[in-house]
Protein backbone atom coordinates (compact mmCIF):
# COMPACT_ATOMS: atom_id res chain seq x y z
CA MET A 1 61.10 107.90 111.20
CA VAL A 2 58.37 106.06 109.66
CA LEU A 3 56.26 107.90 107.04
CA SER A 4 53.19 106.23 105.53
CA MET A 5 52.61 106.68 101.50
CA GLY A 6 50.06 105.72 98.93
CA GLY A 7 46.53 104.79 100.25
CA ILE A 8 43.57 107.08 100.85
CA LEU A 9 43.04 108.46 104.25
CA GLY A 10 45.39 105.76 105.68
CA ILE A 11 43.75 102.66 103.91
CA GLY A 12 45.97 100.79 101.79
CA ALA A 13 48.95 103.11 103.14
CA LYS A 14 52.45 101.47 102.96
CA GLN A 15 54.75 102.65 105.89
CA VAL A 16 58.30 103.14 105.24
CA MET A 17 61.20 103.91 107.03
CA ALA A 18 63.13 107.49 106.16
CA PRO A 19 66.61 107.83 107.89
CA LEU A 20 66.68 110.77 109.91
CA ASP A 21 70.17 111.89 108.32
CA GLN A 22 67.56 112.56 104.93
CA LEU A 23 64.95 114.46 106.87
CA SER A 24 64.91 118.08 107.50
CA LEU A 25 62.53 121.05 108.78
CA GLU A 26 61.65 123.76 106.20
CA GLY A 27 59.21 125.88 108.15
CA ASP A 28 56.52 123.58 109.46
CA ARG A 29 57.29 121.03 106.57
CA LEU A 30 58.98 118.01 107.17
CA ILE A 31 61.10 117.21 104.36
CA TRP A 32 62.62 113.77 103.10
CA LYS A 33 65.18 114.16 100.60
CA THR A 34 66.21 110.94 99.18
CA SER A 35 67.30 109.43 95.80
CA GLN A 36 64.68 106.43 96.24
CA THR A 37 61.90 106.76 93.51
CA LYS A 38 58.31 106.09 94.02
CA ASP A 39 58.95 102.50 92.70
CA ASP A 40 61.69 101.80 94.86
CA LEU A 41 59.57 102.75 98.13
CA LYS A 42 56.78 100.83 96.75
CA GLN A 43 58.86 97.50 96.47
CA SER A 44 60.68 98.17 99.55
CA ALA A 45 60.33 95.86 102.93
CA ASP A 46 57.34 96.76 104.57
CA TYR A 47 58.17 98.53 107.66
CA GLU A 48 57.50 96.06 111.30
CA LYS A 49 57.00 97.78 114.36
CA ASP A 50 58.52 95.23 116.53
CA ASN A 51 61.97 95.25 115.17
CA HIS A 52 62.18 99.45 115.71
CA ARG A 53 62.52 101.16 118.65
CA GLU A 54 59.39 103.71 119.47
CA VAL A 55 60.39 107.26 120.35
CA SER A 56 57.68 109.79 121.66
CA SER A 57 57.51 113.80 121.22
CA ASN A 58 57.60 113.52 125.15
CA ASP A 59 61.49 112.69 124.67
CA TYR A 60 62.50 114.90 122.00
CA GLN A 61 61.07 117.94 121.15
CA THR A 62 63.22 118.41 117.66
CA VAL A 63 64.33 116.00 115.08
CA GLY A 64 67.94 117.69 116.28
CA GLU A 65 67.42 116.26 119.72
CA LEU A 66 66.81 112.87 118.37
CA LYS A 67 69.11 112.77 115.74
CA GLN A 68 71.80 113.82 118.56
CA SER A 69 70.66 111.01 121.00
CA ILE A 70 71.46 108.25 118.45
CA GLY A 71 74.73 110.15 117.67
CA GLN A 72 73.96 111.52 114.22
């Protein structure tokens, strides 16, 4: 899943990839449990849209359904 960090109103934000196995829902909040620090994420490779498959909420209603479709 692609998440944005930093920036103001999306300007200057960095997009990073979050592995699905590190994501969970707690109530209405999406939680990313990672050992990476903020500095690690700032220095990580930039997300490139052309290198990843796009999915939509029309295809999957829950993170669990998406994880199941890719075998996690």
